[in-house]
Amino acid sequence: MTDAIVARAPGKLFIAGEYAVVTAGEPAVLVAVDRYLTVTLTESTDAGSVHSPEYGRIPLRWTRGADGLTVDPDHHPYDYVLSAITVAEQLRAERDLAPRFFDLRIDSGLDDVSGRKFGLGSSAAVTVATVRAIDEFYGLGLARLDLFKLALLATIRVSPRASGGDVAASTFGGWIGYRSPDRDRLRQAVETGHIAAALESDGWAGLEVVRLPAPDDLRFVVGWTGEPASTERLVDAVGRSTRAGATDHPGFVLDSRACVSALWDALRAGDDTATLGAIRRARRLLQTLGAQAGLSIETPRLTALCDLAEASGAAGKPSGAGGGDCGIVLAPPSADVPALLRSWEAHDIRHLTIAVHPPEGGADDL
């Protein structure tokens, strides 16, 4: 028996590029945050299990059958964990490593004490942490980029339209610029070939993950509206609206690309004024998209969160798909952040004491 293996992955927040980034090759900016999901792996015999206190006391049991992983069909929302186990086990088999069983315990610090989700990317974090734990368990020796790729392959088996930006943030940490690969082609590679071949697929051609410098003089502030949101539901709704001709999606993608590219440049140049301008522009793009699609991307509480930030001298916008969850604020030294936080409290907006999780590894990892 091996000693317990503990792997963790940080949550994430989108800074800019939401919705457009689901189109292959389109850019976004994200940060990893210092809230974590932890996976503890212990070796077992005869069968494996997955357990999270969040989903009750009874663990999910898994075994291997002639057709691969088999699970108890009756419960649990463990789709991403099981997908991560599946792709990692496929890679293990392709490398002719002997199969073993293991138990996973999942503990999340990405929610509040009552279990309400903050929208910090728990699906991505649990996928990355699971792949990390299995990588260490079998001694796969995955480079950080291949760990990201394996986690994204597991993700798109469950959620084919997922951009993978959250997976990248959870894998690499820090401030990152991200362009999504062709997930349709990658999913086909997983379905028709070996995992090792899928890791080398030409579907990765559009992928880009770059390290961006954090702003030196802009304070990062996060507010939570207390309203849960479903990213997948909102992205699907925008897609239906686009197909119906209600939204100018090509125009939105072009505008988002220009906005995010300007943000990349501003961060690299240390230009706080341009960074704040890009954040404000990104908010306006989401407002326009929501109006065209007839969706509340910016809910009343998100509007209050952002408008109060502007009134304090800062720049704010919804983070991610909107519809609730979190908003992010970048505040220059001149902004009255204490007054902002008092105003948020009066509007039932909760300040989350979140900082950016530092980059993991060096520049060679990107």
Protein backbone atom coordinates (compact mmCIF):
# COMPACT_ATOMS: atom_id res chain seq x y z
CA MET A 1 0.00 0.00 0.00
CA THR A 2 1.20 3.48 -0.80
CA ASP A 3 0.94 6.42 1.56
CA ALA A 4 -1.98 8.77 1.01
CA ILE A 5 -1.48 11.16 -1.89
CA VAL A 6 -2.87 14.66 -1.44
CA ALA A 7 -3.40 16.86 -4.49
CA ARG A 8 -5.12 20.20 -4.60
CA ALA A 9 -6.11 22.69 -7.28
CA PRO A 10 -7.15 26.33 -6.98
CA GLY A 11 -10.41 27.81 -8.11
CA LYS A 12 -10.61 30.46 -10.81
CA LEU A 13 -12.27 33.69 -11.84
CA PHE A 14 -12.66 35.08 -15.33
CA ILE A 15 -11.32 38.59 -15.83
CA ALA A 16 -12.41 39.02 -19.47
CA GLY A 17 -13.29 37.04 -22.58
CA GLU A 18 -16.33 35.13 -21.33
CA TYR A 19 -18.62 33.62 -23.96
CA ALA A 20 -16.23 34.38 -26.83
CA VAL A 21 -13.64 31.97 -25.43
CA VAL A 22 -15.87 28.97 -26.16
CA THR A 23 -15.03 29.62 -29.83
CA ALA A 24 -11.76 27.87 -30.62
CA GLY A 25 -8.79 30.23 -30.73
CA GLU A 26 -10.48 33.16 -29.00
CA PRO A 27 -8.65 34.77 -26.06
CA ALA A 28 -9.56 35.28 -22.43
CA VAL A 29 -7.89 36.36 -19.21
CA LEU A 30 -8.36 34.40 -15.98
CA VAL A 31 -6.84 34.21 -12.53
CA ALA A 32 -6.43 31.29 -10.19
CA VAL A 33 -7.62 32.12 -6.67
CA ASP A 34 -6.48 31.04 -3.23
CA ARG A 35 -9.48 28.85 -2.52
CA TYR A 36 -8.80 25.18 -3.14
CA LEU A 37 -10.30 21.80 -3.81
CA THR A 38 -8.33 18.91 -2.31
CA VAL A 39 -8.31 15.26 -3.42
CA THR A 40 -6.83 12.63 -1.11
CA LEU A 41 -6.02 9.30 -2.78
CA THR A 42 -5.43 6.08 -0.86
CA GLU A 43 -4.78 2.69 -2.40
CA SER A 44 -7.53 0.08 -2.04
CA THR A 45 -8.25 -3.49 -3.13
CA ASP A 46 -11.03 -5.09 -5.21
CA ALA A 47 -12.81 -1.77 -5.91
CA GLY A 48 -12.33 1.97 -5.67
CA SER A 49 -14.53 4.69 -4.26
CA VAL A 50 -15.15 8.43 -4.51
CA HIS A 51 -16.44 10.32 -1.50
CA SER A 52 -17.21 13.96 -0.86
CA PRO A 53 -18.97 15.25 2.27
CA GLU A 54 -20.75 17.70 -0.01
CA TYR A 55 -22.70 14.85 -1.61
CA GLY A 56 -23.63 12.81 1.44
CA ARG A 57 -22.16 10.01 3.50
CA ILE A 58 -22.35 7.15 0.99
CA PRO A 59 -19.32 6.92 -1.32
CA LEU A 60 -19.58 6.07 -4.99
CA ARG A 61 -17.95 2.70 -5.70
CA TRP A 62 -16.21 1.91 -8.98
CA THR A 63 -14.66 -1.20 -10.48
CA ARG A 64 -13.30 -2.30 -13.85
CA GLY A 65 -15.23 -4.32 -16.37
CA ALA A 66 -14.57 -5.63 -19.84
CA ASP A 67 -15.59 -2.28 -21.27
CA GLY A 68 -13.66 -0.13 -18.81
CA LEU A 69 -14.76 1.68 -15.68
CA THR A 70 -18.07 0.56 -14.15
CA VAL A 71 -19.91 2.46 -11.42
CA ASP A 72 -22.93 2.16 -9.21
CA PRO A 73 -25.59 3.81 -11.41
CA ASP A 74 -27.81 5.11 -8.63
CA HIS A 75 -26.06 8.23 -7.39
CA HIS A 76 -23.95 11.09 -7.35
CA PRO A 77 -22.83 14.17 -9.31
CA TYR A 78 -19.30 12.84 -9.76
CA ASP A 79 -19.22 13.06 -13.56
CA TYR A 80 -15.99 15.06 -13.77
CA VAL A 81 -14.17 12.86 -11.25
CA LEU A 82 -15.21 9.66 -13.03
CA SER A 83 -14.22 11.13 -16.39
CA ALA A 84 -10.81 12.07 -14.98
CA ILE A 85 -10.37 8.53 -13.63
CA THR A 86 -11.44 7.10 -17.00
CA VAL A 87 -8.97 9.04 -19.16
CA ALA A 88 -6.12 8.59 -16.67
CA GLU A 89 -6.81 4.85 -16.51
CA GLN A 90 -6.82 4.67 -20.31
CA LEU A 91 -3.43 6.36 -20.42
CA ARG A 92 -2.17 4.00 -17.70
CA ALA A 93 -3.28 0.99 -19.74
CA GLU A 94 -1.68 2.37 -22.91
CA ARG A 95 1.61 2.62 -21.02
CA ASP A 96 1.30 -1.01 -19.87
CA LEU A 97 1.23 -0.11 -16.19
CA ALA A 98 -0.46 -2.60 -13.88
CA PRO A 99 -3.98 -1.55 -12.78
CA ARG A 100 -4.63 -0.79 -9.11
CA PHE A 101 -7.62 0.42 -7.15
CA PHE A 102 -7.84 3.57 -5.10
CA ASP A 103 -10.24 5.59 -3.01
CA LEU A 104 -10.66 9.34 -3.47
CA ARG A 105 -11.88 11.78 -0.86
CA ILE A 106 -12.82 15.24 -2.09
CA ASP A 107 -12.87 18.28 0.17
CA SER A 108 -13.85 21.64 -1.29
CA GLY A 109 -12.94 25.08 -0.05
CA LEU A 110 -14.62 26.66 -3.08
CA ASP A 111 -18.05 26.91 -1.42
CA ASP A 112 -19.37 28.58 1.71
CA VAL A 113 -20.01 26.64 4.91
CA SER A 114 -23.58 25.89 3.87
CA GLY A 115 -22.45 24.34 0.59
CA ARG A 116 -23.53 27.22 -1.64
CA LYS A 117 -21.19 27.57 -4.60
CA PHE A 118 -19.36 30.83 -5.24
CA GLY A 119 -18.81 30.09 -8.94
CA LEU A 120 -15.07 29.52 -8.55
CA GLY A 121 -14.77 26.59 -10.95
CA SER A 122 -15.18 23.53 -8.75
CA SER A 123 -15.63 21.20 -11.75
CA ALA A 124 -12.30 22.24 -13.23
CA ALA A 125 -10.52 22.16 -9.88
CA VAL A 126 -11.73 18.65 -9.00
CA THR A 127 -10.75 17.40 -12.46
CA VAL A 128 -7.24 18.87 -12.22
CA ALA A 129 -6.72 17.65 -8.65
CA THR A 130 -7.94 14.14 -9.54
CA VAL A 131 -5.60 13.91 -12.52
CA ARG A 132 -2.71 15.16 -10.37
CA ALA A 133 -3.36 12.53 -7.73
CA ILE A 134 -3.60 9.66 -10.24
CA ASP A 135 -0.51 10.93 -12.07
CA GLU A 136 1.46 10.63 -8.82
CA PHE A 137 -0.18 7.30 -7.88
CA TYR A 138 0.83 5.58 -11.12
CA GLY A 139 4.04 7.55 -11.67
CA LEU A 140 2.87 8.77 -15.08
CA GLY A 141 5.33 11.67 -14.93
CA LEU A 142 3.05 14.10 -16.74
CA ALA A 143 4.50 17.49 -17.60
CA ARG A 144 2.26 20.33 -16.49
CA LEU A 145 1.00 20.97 -20.02
CA ASP A 146 0.09 17.31 -20.49
CA LEU A 147 -1.64 17.32 -17.10
CA PHE A 148 -3.73 20.25 -18.34
CA LYS A 149 -4.48 18.46 -21.60
CA LEU A 150 -5.55 15.26 -19.84
CA ALA A 151 -7.81 17.26 -17.50
CA LEU A 152 -9.37 19.08 -20.46
CA LEU A 153 -9.96 15.80 -22.32
CA ALA A 154 -11.77 14.56 -19.21
CA THR A 155 -13.78 17.80 -19.02
CA ILE A 156 -15.04 17.81 -22.60
CA ARG A 157 -16.25 14.21 -22.26
CA VAL A 158 -18.75 15.66 -19.76
CA SER A 159 -19.22 19.21 -21.07
CA PRO A 160 -18.28 19.37 -24.77
CA ARG A 161 -18.55 23.16 -25.05
CA ALA A 162 -16.35 23.91 -22.05
CA SER A 163 -13.60 26.32 -23.10
CA GLY A 164 -11.00 24.89 -20.75
CA GLY A 165 -10.00 28.30 -19.42
CA ASP A 166 -10.94 27.26 -15.90
CA VAL A 167 -8.91 24.06 -16.29
CA ALA A 168 -5.89 26.12 -17.38
CA ALA A 169 -6.22 28.48 -14.42
CA SER A 170 -6.48 25.56 -11.98
CA THR A 171 -3.46 23.90 -13.59
CA PHE A 172 -1.04 26.81 -13.98
CA GLY A 173 -2.07 29.39 -11.35
CA GLY A 174 -1.56 33.14 -11.42
CA TRP A 175 -2.81 35.49 -14.13
CA ILE A 176 -3.06 33.75 -17.48
CA GLY A 177 -4.00 34.54 -21.04
CA TYR A 178 -5.79 31.66 -22.69
CA ARG A 179 -6.96 30.64 -26.16
CA SER A 180 -9.12 27.55 -26.43
CA PRO A 181 -8.29 24.57 -28.67
CA ASP A 182 -10.73 22.82 -31.01
CA ARG A 183 -12.66 20.74 -28.49
CA ASP A 184 -14.84 19.07 -31.15
CA ARG A 185 -11.73 17.62 -32.76
CA LEU A 186 -10.30 16.64 -29.39
CA ARG A 187 -13.49 14.88 -28.38
CA GLN A 188 -13.41 12.92 -31.63
CA ALA A 189 -9.80 11.98 -30.92
CA VAL A 190 -10.78 10.66 -27.50
CA GLU A 191 -13.71 8.70 -28.92
CA THR A 192 -11.89 7.14 -31.87
CA GLY A 193 -8.31 6.71 -30.69
CA HIS A 194 -5.97 6.35 -27.76
CA ILE A 195 -5.48 8.96 -25.05
CA ALA A 196 -1.78 9.24 -25.90
CA ALA A 197 -2.75 10.05 -29.49
CA ALA A 198 -5.39 12.52 -28.30
CA LEU A 199 -2.70 14.33 -26.30
CA GLU A 200 -0.85 14.89 -29.60
CA SER A 201 -3.95 15.66 -31.71
CA ASP A 202 -3.91 18.58 -34.13
CA GLY A 203 -7.00 19.78 -32.26
CA TRP A 204 -4.57 21.47 -29.84
CA ALA A 205 -3.21 23.74 -32.59
CA GLY A 206 -5.19 26.79 -31.45
CA LEU A 207 -4.34 26.37 -27.77
CA GLU A 208 -2.38 29.14 -26.10
CA VAL A 209 -1.65 29.56 -22.40
CA VAL A 210 0.58 32.51 -21.50
CA ARG A 211 1.73 33.96 -18.21
CA LEU A 212 0.52 37.53 -17.69
CA PRO A 213 1.96 39.87 -15.06
CA ALA A 214 -0.36 40.88 -12.26
CA PRO A 215 -1.09 44.61 -12.05
CA ASP A 216 1.29 46.24 -9.60
CA ASP A 217 -0.98 49.02 -8.35
CA LEU A 218 -4.51 47.69 -8.87
CA ARG A 219 -6.16 45.95 -5.93
CA PHE A 220 -8.10 42.80 -6.82
CA VAL A 221 -11.49 42.70 -5.06
CA VAL A 222 -14.21 40.06 -5.39
CA GLY A 223 -17.88 40.32 -4.53
CA TRP A 224 -20.44 37.52 -4.41
CA THR A 225 -24.09 38.16 -5.16
CA GLY A 226 -25.41 35.11 -3.32
CA GLU A 227 -27.23 34.06 -6.49
CA PRO A 228 -26.04 30.77 -8.03
CA ALA A 229 -25.67 30.62 -11.80
CA SER A 230 -25.30 27.83 -14.36
CA THR A 231 -22.55 28.61 -16.86
CA GLU A 232 -23.59 25.77 -19.16
CA ARG A 233 -27.23 26.89 -19.22
CA LEU A 234 -26.32 30.50 -20.00
CA VAL A 235 -23.81 29.59 -22.70
CA ASP A 236 -26.37 27.26 -24.31
CA ALA A 237 -28.99 30.03 -24.18
CA VAL A 238 -26.64 32.45 -25.95
CA GLY A 239 -25.97 29.76 -28.55
CA ARG A 240 -29.68 29.29 -29.19
CA SER A 241 -30.14 33.04 -29.46
CA THR A 242 -27.31 33.24 -31.97
CA ARG A 243 -28.77 30.45 -34.09
CA ALA A 244 -32.11 32.28 -34.05
CA GLY A 245 -30.40 35.42 -35.37
CA ALA A 246 -31.07 37.51 -32.25
CA THR A 247 -27.40 38.12 -31.42
CA ASP A 248 -24.55 39.33 -33.58
CA HIS A 249 -22.17 36.63 -32.44
CA PRO A 250 -19.45 37.25 -35.06
CA GLY A 251 -19.43 40.92 -34.11
CA PHE A 252 -19.31 40.07 -30.41
CA VAL A 253 -16.38 37.69 -30.94
CA LEU A 254 -14.43 40.31 -32.90
CA ASP A 255 -15.09 42.97 -30.24
CA SER A 256 -14.16 40.56 -27.45
CA ARG A 257 -10.93 39.60 -29.22
CA ALA A 258 -9.95 43.26 -29.55
CA CYS A 259 -10.85 43.95 -25.91
CA VAL A 260 -8.97 40.97 -24.49
CA SER A 261 -5.95 41.58 -26.71
CA ALA A 262 -5.85 45.16 -25.41
CA LEU A 263 -6.02 43.80 -21.85
CA TRP A 264 -3.11 41.39 -22.51
CA ASP A 265 -1.07 44.32 -23.84
CA ALA A 266 -2.02 46.59 -20.93
CA LEU A 267 -1.06 43.99 -18.33
CA ARG A 268 2.26 43.31 -20.05
CA ALA A 269 2.99 47.04 -20.23
CA GLY A 270 1.95 47.68 -16.62
CA ASP A 271 -0.51 50.28 -17.90
CA ASP A 272 -3.15 50.55 -15.15
CA THR A 273 -5.26 53.09 -17.01
CA ALA A 274 -5.52 50.87 -20.08
CA THR A 275 -6.22 47.83 -17.88
CA LEU A 276 -9.14 49.61 -16.20
CA GLY A 277 -10.42 50.73 -19.59
CA ALA A 278 -10.36 47.15 -20.90
CA ILE A 279 -12.30 45.92 -17.86
CA ARG A 280 -14.99 48.56 -18.45
CA ARG A 281 -15.14 47.69 -22.14
CA ALA A 282 -15.48 43.99 -21.33
CA ARG A 283 -18.43 44.78 -19.06
CA ARG A 284 -20.17 46.74 -21.82
CA LEU A 285 -19.71 43.84 -24.23
CA LEU A 286 -21.43 41.47 -21.81
CA GLN A 287 -24.25 43.97 -21.26
CA THR A 288 -24.82 44.21 -25.02
CA LEU A 289 -24.71 40.44 -25.46
CA GLY A 290 -27.22 39.96 -22.65
CA ALA A 291 -29.57 42.58 -24.10
CA GLN A 292 -29.44 40.98 -27.55
CA ALA A 293 -29.98 37.47 -26.18
CA GLY A 294 -32.67 38.51 -23.70
CA LEU A 295 -30.65 37.13 -20.79
CA SER A 296 -29.81 38.56 -17.38
CA ILE A 297 -26.06 38.14 -17.74
CA GLU A 298 -25.77 41.18 -15.48
CA THR A 299 -28.35 40.66 -12.73
CA PRO A 300 -29.52 43.57 -10.57
CA ARG A 301 -27.02 42.64 -7.84
CA LEU A 302 -24.19 42.35 -10.35
CA THR A 303 -25.18 45.76 -11.70
CA ALA A 304 -25.05 47.17 -8.19
CA LEU A 305 -21.71 45.50 -7.54
CA CYS A 306 -20.18 47.03 -10.67
CA ASP A 307 -21.83 50.46 -10.42
CA LEU A 308 -20.74 50.84 -6.80
CA ALA A 309 -17.21 49.96 -7.87
CA GLU A 310 -17.33 52.69 -10.50
CA ALA A 311 -18.63 55.18 -7.95
CA SER A 312 -15.65 54.39 -5.72
CA GLY A 313 -13.19 55.06 -8.56
CA ALA A 314 -12.61 51.42 -9.52
CA ALA A 315 -13.67 49.24 -12.47
CA GLY A 316 -15.88 46.18 -12.08
CA LYS A 317 -17.62 43.55 -14.18
CA PRO A 318 -19.33 40.17 -13.83
CA SER A 319 -16.94 37.24 -13.78
CA GLY A 320 -17.73 34.28 -15.98
CA ALA A 321 -21.13 33.72 -17.55
CA GLY A 322 -22.89 36.10 -15.15
CA GLY A 323 -26.46 35.44 -14.13
CA GLY A 324 -25.30 35.63 -10.52
CA ASP A 325 -22.19 34.33 -8.76
CA CYS A 326 -19.24 36.75 -8.56
CA GLY A 327 -18.11 40.09 -9.87
CA ILE A 328 -14.49 41.23 -9.99
CA VAL A 329 -13.13 44.70 -9.31
CA LEU A 330 -9.76 46.27 -10.03
CA ALA A 331 -9.22 49.28 -7.81
CA PRO A 332 -6.45 51.89 -8.21
CA PRO A 333 -4.86 53.41 -5.10
CA SER A 334 -7.20 56.41 -5.39
CA ALA A 335 -10.33 54.25 -5.08
CA ASP A 336 -12.19 54.25 -1.77
CA VAL A 337 -12.31 50.48 -1.26
CA PRO A 338 -13.57 50.61 2.37
CA ALA A 339 -16.54 52.72 1.23
CA LEU A 340 -17.14 50.26 -1.61
CA LEU A 341 -17.24 47.32 0.78
CA ARG A 342 -19.68 49.14 3.07
CA SER A 343 -21.90 49.88 0.06
CA TRP A 344 -21.78 46.24 -1.00
CA GLU A 345 -22.84 45.14 2.45
CA ALA A 346 -25.81 47.52 2.30
CA HIS A 347 -26.83 45.91 -1.01
CA ASP A 348 -26.46 42.34 0.34
CA ILE A 349 -23.30 41.71 -1.67
CA ARG A 350 -20.68 39.69 0.15
CA HIS A 351 -17.00 40.59 -0.06
CA LEU A 352 -14.97 37.43 -0.55
CA THR A 353 -11.51 37.62 0.97
CA ILE A 354 -9.85 36.12 -2.07
CA ALA A 355 -6.39 36.71 -3.49
CA VAL A 356 -4.71 35.40 -6.63
CA HIS A 357 -3.09 31.98 -6.23
CA PRO A 358 0.54 32.36 -7.33
CA PRO A 359 1.78 30.82 -10.57
CA GLU A 360 2.67 27.14 -10.38
CA GLY A 361 5.96 26.14 -11.96
CA GLY A 362 8.05 28.38 -14.16
CA ALA A 363 7.72 29.99 -17.55
CA ASP A 364 8.71 26.72 -19.20
CA ASP A 365 5.42 25.21 -18.05
CA LEU A 366 3.42 27.43 -20.41
